[in-house]
């Protein structure tokens, strides 16, 4: 069994808000460092992104209630942030908060013999 690194929702739309936008450079650097370390150690890295369809078929309940979609497939908002080192990384698309629900992550997990205890998500910490 081996570990994996999941880079989740590092998309342009999430940094439009000033509070997270102020952390963008820090988060990109942290992700790129983790990606480089994982590659060097031979650890699988997955880029997981949220995308929705304009026809509302993938919208969450809150999006339907508000009648406002977000992160539409093929838009700039749904793209990974600039300067994120995503070259050659397998990408999985999700429509819910969980990277496991409705994605191929479990198939990848089984195929690559990943240890579930080794899967980690990178969360942000506000710089002091």
N, C-alpha and C. Protein backbone atom coordinates (compact mmCIF):
# COMPACT_ATOMS: atom_id res chain seq x y z
N UNK A 1 0.84 -1.18 0.00
CA UNK A 1 0.00 0.00 0.00
C UNK A 1 0.88 1.25 0.00
N UNK A 2 0.38 2.29 -0.63
CA UNK A 2 1.12 3.54 -0.69
C UNK A 2 0.19 4.71 -0.43
N UNK A 3 0.75 5.85 -0.18
CA UNK A 3 -0.01 7.06 0.11
C UNK A 3 -0.30 7.81 -1.18
N UNK A 4 -1.17 8.78 -1.09
CA UNK A 4 -1.47 9.66 -2.22
C UNK A 4 -1.68 11.07 -1.70
N UNK A 5 -1.41 12.03 -2.56
CA UNK A 5 -1.66 13.43 -2.25
C UNK A 5 -2.81 13.90 -3.13
N UNK A 6 -3.83 14.49 -2.52
CA UNK A 6 -4.96 15.03 -3.25
C UNK A 6 -4.90 16.54 -3.21
N UNK A 7 -4.88 17.17 -4.37
CA UNK A 7 -4.94 18.62 -4.46
C UNK A 7 -6.38 18.94 -4.88
N UNK A 8 -7.13 19.55 -3.98
CA UNK A 8 -8.57 19.68 -4.18
C UNK A 8 -8.99 21.14 -4.30
N UNK A 9 -9.73 21.41 -5.37
CA UNK A 9 -10.39 22.71 -5.59
C UNK A 9 -9.44 23.91 -5.61
N UNK A 10 -8.29 23.73 -6.17
CA UNK A 10 -7.38 24.87 -6.37
C UNK A 10 -7.74 25.52 -7.72
N UNK A 11 -8.94 26.11 -7.74
CA UNK A 11 -9.51 26.67 -8.95
C UNK A 11 -9.69 28.18 -8.82
N UNK A 12 -9.63 28.84 -9.94
CA UNK A 12 -9.67 30.30 -9.97
C UNK A 12 -10.87 30.88 -9.24
N UNK A 13 -12.03 30.28 -9.37
CA UNK A 13 -13.24 30.83 -8.75
C UNK A 13 -13.14 30.95 -7.25
N UNK A 14 -12.45 30.01 -6.61
CA UNK A 14 -12.37 30.02 -5.16
C UNK A 14 -11.52 31.17 -4.62
N UNK A 15 -10.73 31.78 -5.47
CA UNK A 15 -9.86 32.86 -5.03
C UNK A 15 -10.39 34.23 -5.41
N UNK A 16 -11.61 34.28 -5.95
CA UNK A 16 -12.22 35.56 -6.29
C UNK A 16 -12.58 36.36 -5.05
N UNK A 17 -12.94 35.68 -3.98
CA UNK A 17 -13.24 36.34 -2.72
C UNK A 17 -11.93 36.85 -2.12
N UNK A 18 -11.93 38.07 -1.64
CA UNK A 18 -10.71 38.71 -1.15
C UNK A 18 -10.04 37.94 -0.01
N UNK A 19 -10.85 37.38 0.90
CA UNK A 19 -10.26 36.70 2.06
C UNK A 19 -9.43 35.49 1.64
N UNK A 20 -9.88 34.73 0.67
CA UNK A 20 -9.08 33.61 0.18
C UNK A 20 -8.09 34.07 -0.88
N UNK A 21 -8.46 35.08 -1.63
CA UNK A 21 -7.55 35.63 -2.64
C UNK A 21 -6.25 36.10 -2.02
N UNK A 22 -6.32 36.61 -0.81
CA UNK A 22 -5.11 37.06 -0.11
C UNK A 22 -4.19 35.90 0.23
N UNK A 23 -4.71 34.69 0.24
CA UNK A 23 -3.93 33.50 0.58
C UNK A 23 -3.48 32.71 -0.65
N UNK A 24 -3.85 33.17 -1.84
CA UNK A 24 -3.60 32.41 -3.06
C UNK A 24 -2.12 32.07 -3.26
N UNK A 25 -1.25 33.03 -3.18
CA UNK A 25 0.18 32.78 -3.41
C UNK A 25 0.73 31.77 -2.40
N UNK A 26 0.34 31.94 -1.14
CA UNK A 26 0.77 31.02 -0.09
C UNK A 26 0.29 29.60 -0.38
N UNK A 27 -0.98 29.45 -0.78
CA UNK A 27 -1.54 28.13 -1.04
C UNK A 27 -0.93 27.48 -2.27
N UNK A 28 -0.69 28.27 -3.31
CA UNK A 28 -0.05 27.73 -4.51
C UNK A 28 1.35 27.22 -4.16
N UNK A 29 2.10 28.00 -3.42
CA UNK A 29 3.46 27.59 -3.03
C UNK A 29 3.42 26.32 -2.17
N UNK A 30 2.47 26.25 -1.24
CA UNK A 30 2.34 25.07 -0.38
C UNK A 30 1.98 23.84 -1.21
N UNK A 31 1.04 24.00 -2.13
CA UNK A 31 0.65 22.87 -2.99
C UNK A 31 1.80 22.44 -3.89
N UNK A 32 2.47 23.40 -4.50
CA UNK A 32 3.59 23.05 -5.37
C UNK A 32 4.71 22.35 -4.61
N UNK A 33 4.96 22.77 -3.39
CA UNK A 33 5.96 22.11 -2.56
C UNK A 33 5.54 20.68 -2.24
N UNK A 34 4.27 20.50 -1.89
CA UNK A 34 3.77 19.16 -1.58
C UNK A 34 3.80 18.27 -2.82
N UNK A 35 3.44 18.83 -3.98
CA UNK A 35 3.47 18.07 -5.23
C UNK A 35 4.90 17.64 -5.55
N UNK A 36 5.85 18.56 -5.42
CA UNK A 36 7.25 18.24 -5.69
C UNK A 36 7.76 17.15 -4.75
N UNK A 37 7.42 17.26 -3.48
CA UNK A 37 7.84 16.25 -2.51
C UNK A 37 7.23 14.89 -2.83
N UNK A 38 5.95 14.89 -3.20
CA UNK A 38 5.27 13.63 -3.53
C UNK A 38 5.88 12.99 -4.77
N UNK A 39 6.13 13.81 -5.79
CA UNK A 39 6.75 13.27 -7.01
C UNK A 39 8.12 12.67 -6.70
N UNK A 40 8.91 13.37 -5.91
CA UNK A 40 10.24 12.89 -5.56
C UNK A 40 10.18 11.57 -4.79
N UNK A 41 9.15 11.43 -3.96
CA UNK A 41 9.00 10.22 -3.15
C UNK A 41 8.24 9.11 -3.89
N UNK A 42 7.80 9.39 -5.12
CA UNK A 42 7.06 8.39 -5.88
C UNK A 42 5.64 8.19 -5.39
N UNK A 43 5.09 9.22 -4.76
CA UNK A 43 3.72 9.16 -4.25
C UNK A 43 2.76 9.69 -5.31
N UNK A 44 1.66 9.01 -5.50
CA UNK A 44 0.65 9.43 -6.47
C UNK A 44 0.05 10.78 -6.06
N UNK A 45 -0.17 11.63 -7.06
CA UNK A 45 -0.78 12.94 -6.84
C UNK A 45 -1.99 13.04 -7.76
N UNK A 46 -3.12 13.47 -7.22
CA UNK A 46 -4.34 13.64 -8.00
C UNK A 46 -4.83 15.07 -7.88
N UNK A 47 -5.20 15.64 -9.00
CA UNK A 47 -5.80 16.96 -9.04
C UNK A 47 -7.31 16.76 -9.12
N UNK A 48 -8.01 17.25 -8.11
CA UNK A 48 -9.45 17.05 -8.05
C UNK A 48 -10.12 18.42 -8.11
N UNK A 49 -11.02 18.56 -9.09
CA UNK A 49 -11.66 19.85 -9.36
C UNK A 49 -13.17 19.70 -9.32
N UNK A 50 -13.83 20.77 -8.94
CA UNK A 50 -15.29 20.82 -8.96
C UNK A 50 -15.74 21.46 -10.26
N UNK A 51 -16.70 20.85 -10.90
CA UNK A 51 -17.31 21.43 -12.11
C UNK A 51 -18.79 21.10 -12.12
N UNK A 52 -19.57 22.02 -12.67
CA UNK A 52 -21.01 21.80 -12.82
C UNK A 52 -21.44 22.09 -14.25
N UNK A 53 -22.58 21.53 -14.61
CA UNK A 53 -23.16 21.75 -15.94
C UNK A 53 -24.19 22.87 -15.86
N UNK A 54 -24.29 23.63 -16.93
CA UNK A 54 -25.24 24.74 -16.96
C UNK A 54 -26.69 24.27 -16.92
N UNK A 55 -26.94 23.03 -17.32
CA UNK A 55 -28.33 22.54 -17.38
C UNK A 55 -28.89 22.16 -16.00
N UNK A 56 -28.16 22.43 -14.95
CA UNK A 56 -28.54 22.20 -13.55
C UNK A 56 -28.50 20.73 -13.14
N UNK A 57 -28.09 19.85 -14.02
CA UNK A 57 -28.10 18.42 -13.70
C UNK A 57 -27.10 18.03 -12.62
N UNK A 58 -26.11 18.86 -12.38
CA UNK A 58 -25.09 18.54 -11.37
C UNK A 58 -25.10 19.52 -10.21
N UNK A 59 -26.06 20.43 -10.19
CA UNK A 59 -26.09 21.46 -9.16
C UNK A 59 -26.41 20.87 -7.79
N UNK A 60 -25.85 21.50 -6.77
CA UNK A 60 -26.15 21.12 -5.39
C UNK A 60 -27.53 21.66 -5.03
N UNK A 61 -28.09 21.20 -3.91
CA UNK A 61 -29.40 21.69 -3.48
C UNK A 61 -29.38 23.19 -3.22
N UNK A 62 -28.31 23.69 -2.62
CA UNK A 62 -28.25 25.14 -2.35
C UNK A 62 -28.15 25.94 -3.65
N UNK A 63 -27.46 25.41 -4.65
CA UNK A 63 -27.39 26.09 -5.95
C UNK A 63 -28.77 26.12 -6.59
N UNK A 64 -29.50 25.02 -6.49
CA UNK A 64 -30.86 24.97 -7.04
C UNK A 64 -31.78 25.92 -6.31
N UNK A 65 -31.67 25.96 -4.97
CA UNK A 65 -32.51 26.88 -4.17
C UNK A 65 -32.26 28.33 -4.56
N UNK A 66 -30.99 28.68 -4.78
CA UNK A 66 -30.62 30.05 -5.13
C UNK A 66 -30.77 30.33 -6.63
N UNK A 67 -30.96 29.27 -7.41
CA UNK A 67 -31.01 29.35 -8.87
C UNK A 67 -29.76 30.04 -9.43
N UNK A 68 -28.62 29.72 -8.82
CA UNK A 68 -27.35 30.26 -9.27
C UNK A 68 -26.31 29.15 -9.32
N UNK A 69 -25.80 28.91 -10.50
CA UNK A 69 -24.76 27.91 -10.68
C UNK A 69 -23.38 28.48 -10.44
N UNK A 70 -22.40 27.60 -10.47
CA UNK A 70 -21.04 27.98 -10.11
C UNK A 70 -20.09 26.96 -10.72
N UNK A 71 -18.92 27.38 -11.09
CA UNK A 71 -17.87 26.50 -11.60
C UNK A 71 -18.34 25.67 -12.81
N UNK A 72 -18.82 26.37 -13.81
CA UNK A 72 -19.32 25.69 -15.00
C UNK A 72 -18.17 25.11 -15.81
N UNK A 73 -18.38 23.88 -16.27
CA UNK A 73 -17.40 23.19 -17.09
C UNK A 73 -17.01 24.04 -18.29
N UNK A 74 -15.69 24.13 -18.53
CA UNK A 74 -15.18 24.87 -19.68
C UNK A 74 -14.98 26.36 -19.46
N UNK A 75 -15.29 26.87 -18.26
CA UNK A 75 -15.10 28.29 -17.99
C UNK A 75 -13.75 28.53 -17.32
N UNK A 76 -13.31 29.78 -17.37
CA UNK A 76 -12.05 30.15 -16.73
C UNK A 76 -12.13 29.94 -15.22
N UNK A 77 -13.30 30.21 -14.63
CA UNK A 77 -13.47 30.02 -13.19
C UNK A 77 -13.17 28.59 -12.75
N UNK A 78 -13.48 27.62 -13.60
CA UNK A 78 -13.30 26.21 -13.26
C UNK A 78 -11.86 25.73 -13.47
N UNK A 79 -11.04 26.54 -14.10
CA UNK A 79 -9.65 26.17 -14.37
C UNK A 79 -8.82 26.19 -13.08
N UNK A 80 -7.75 25.42 -13.09
CA UNK A 80 -6.80 25.48 -11.98
C UNK A 80 -6.16 26.86 -11.93
N UNK A 81 -5.78 27.28 -10.74
CA UNK A 81 -5.12 28.57 -10.59
C UNK A 81 -3.81 28.57 -11.38
N UNK A 82 -3.46 29.74 -11.87
CA UNK A 82 -2.20 29.89 -12.58
C UNK A 82 -1.05 29.55 -11.62
N UNK A 83 0.01 29.04 -12.17
CA UNK A 83 1.24 28.70 -11.45
C UNK A 83 1.15 27.45 -10.59
N UNK A 84 0.00 26.77 -10.57
CA UNK A 84 -0.07 25.49 -9.88
C UNK A 84 0.57 24.44 -10.78
N UNK A 85 1.49 23.66 -10.25
CA UNK A 85 2.24 22.69 -11.04
C UNK A 85 1.41 21.43 -11.28
N UNK A 86 0.51 21.50 -12.28
CA UNK A 86 -0.41 20.40 -12.54
C UNK A 86 0.02 19.52 -13.71
N UNK A 87 1.18 19.81 -14.29
CA UNK A 87 1.64 19.08 -15.45
C UNK A 87 1.69 17.58 -15.23
N UNK A 88 0.96 16.85 -16.05
CA UNK A 88 0.98 15.40 -16.00
C UNK A 88 0.16 14.77 -14.89
N UNK A 89 -0.49 15.57 -14.07
CA UNK A 89 -1.28 15.00 -12.97
C UNK A 89 -2.62 14.49 -13.49
N UNK A 90 -3.05 13.33 -13.02
CA UNK A 90 -4.39 12.88 -13.38
C UNK A 90 -5.42 13.78 -12.72
N UNK A 91 -6.47 14.11 -13.48
CA UNK A 91 -7.52 15.00 -12.97
C UNK A 91 -8.81 14.22 -12.79
N UNK A 92 -9.46 14.47 -11.68
CA UNK A 92 -10.78 13.92 -11.41
C UNK A 92 -11.73 15.08 -11.19
N UNK A 93 -12.91 14.98 -11.74
CA UNK A 93 -13.91 16.04 -11.60
C UNK A 93 -14.98 15.58 -10.63
N UNK A 94 -15.33 16.46 -9.71
CA UNK A 94 -16.39 16.16 -8.74
C UNK A 94 -17.49 17.21 -8.83
N UNK A 95 -18.67 16.84 -8.36
CA UNK A 95 -19.79 17.79 -8.33
C UNK A 95 -20.29 18.02 -6.91
N UNK A 96 -19.68 17.38 -5.96
CA UNK A 96 -20.06 17.52 -4.56
C UNK A 96 -18.83 17.87 -3.73
N UNK A 97 -19.03 18.13 -2.44
CA UNK A 97 -17.91 18.51 -1.59
C UNK A 97 -16.90 17.37 -1.43
N UNK A 98 -17.36 16.15 -1.47
CA UNK A 98 -16.48 15.01 -1.27
C UNK A 98 -15.75 14.63 -2.55
N UNK A 99 -14.46 14.37 -2.43
CA UNK A 99 -13.67 13.91 -3.57
C UNK A 99 -13.97 12.45 -3.89
N UNK A 100 -14.67 11.75 -3.00
CA UNK A 100 -14.99 10.34 -3.20
C UNK A 100 -16.37 10.12 -3.81
N UNK A 101 -17.30 11.05 -3.58
CA UNK A 101 -18.68 10.87 -4.02
C UNK A 101 -18.82 11.20 -5.51
N UNK A 102 -19.20 10.22 -6.30
CA UNK A 102 -19.46 10.44 -7.71
C UNK A 102 -18.22 10.67 -8.56
N UNK A 103 -17.04 10.26 -8.07
CA UNK A 103 -15.81 10.40 -8.86
C UNK A 103 -15.21 9.01 -9.07
N UNK A 104 -14.13 8.98 -9.82
CA UNK A 104 -13.41 7.73 -10.04
C UNK A 104 -12.29 7.53 -9.01
N UNK A 105 -12.28 8.32 -7.95
CA UNK A 105 -11.18 8.23 -6.99
C UNK A 105 -11.06 6.84 -6.37
N UNK A 106 -12.17 6.21 -6.04
CA UNK A 106 -12.11 4.88 -5.45
C UNK A 106 -11.54 3.87 -6.44
N UNK A 107 -11.87 4.02 -7.73
CA UNK A 107 -11.28 3.14 -8.74
C UNK A 107 -9.77 3.34 -8.81
N UNK A 108 -9.35 4.60 -8.79
CA UNK A 108 -7.92 4.92 -8.78
C UNK A 108 -7.27 4.36 -7.52
N UNK A 109 -7.97 4.51 -6.42
CA UNK A 109 -7.50 4.00 -5.13
C UNK A 109 -7.21 2.51 -5.22
N UNK A 110 -8.17 1.76 -5.76
CA UNK A 110 -7.99 0.31 -5.89
C UNK A 110 -6.89 -0.04 -6.89
N UNK A 111 -6.89 0.66 -8.03
CA UNK A 111 -5.93 0.38 -9.09
C UNK A 111 -4.50 0.62 -8.64
N UNK A 112 -4.28 1.70 -7.90
CA UNK A 112 -2.94 2.06 -7.45
C UNK A 112 -2.60 1.49 -6.08
N UNK A 113 -3.50 0.69 -5.49
CA UNK A 113 -3.29 0.09 -4.17
C UNK A 113 -2.95 1.15 -3.13
N UNK A 114 -3.72 2.22 -3.14
CA UNK A 114 -3.47 3.29 -2.18
C UNK A 114 -4.01 2.93 -0.81
N UNK A 115 -3.31 3.35 0.20
CA UNK A 115 -3.71 3.14 1.58
C UNK A 115 -4.59 4.32 1.99
N UNK A 116 -5.83 4.04 2.35
CA UNK A 116 -6.76 5.12 2.70
C UNK A 116 -6.23 5.97 3.84
N UNK A 117 -5.47 5.37 4.75
CA UNK A 117 -4.93 6.16 5.86
C UNK A 117 -3.84 7.10 5.38
N UNK A 118 -3.31 6.83 4.18
CA UNK A 118 -2.24 7.67 3.65
C UNK A 118 -2.73 8.81 2.79
N UNK A 119 -4.03 8.83 2.48
CA UNK A 119 -4.56 9.91 1.66
C UNK A 119 -4.74 11.13 2.54
N UNK A 120 -4.17 12.23 2.13
CA UNK A 120 -4.23 13.47 2.90
C UNK A 120 -4.71 14.61 2.03
N UNK A 121 -5.38 15.55 2.63
CA UNK A 121 -5.78 16.76 1.94
C UNK A 121 -4.98 17.91 2.52
N UNK A 122 -4.62 18.84 1.64
CA UNK A 122 -3.88 20.00 2.07
C UNK A 122 -4.87 21.11 2.41
N UNK A 123 -4.87 21.54 3.66
CA UNK A 123 -5.74 22.62 4.08
C UNK A 123 -4.92 23.87 4.33
N UNK A 124 -5.56 25.00 4.15
CA UNK A 124 -4.84 26.25 4.33
C UNK A 124 -4.79 26.65 5.80
N UNK A 125 -3.73 27.34 6.14
CA UNK A 125 -3.59 27.97 7.45
C UNK A 125 -3.27 29.42 7.17
N UNK A 126 -3.97 30.27 7.84
CA UNK A 126 -3.71 31.70 7.66
C UNK A 126 -2.33 32.02 8.19
N UNK A 127 -1.58 32.74 7.37
CA UNK A 127 -0.25 33.14 7.80
C UNK A 127 -0.34 34.16 8.92
N UNK A 128 0.57 34.03 9.86
CA UNK A 128 0.58 34.98 11.00
C UNK A 128 1.20 36.29 10.59
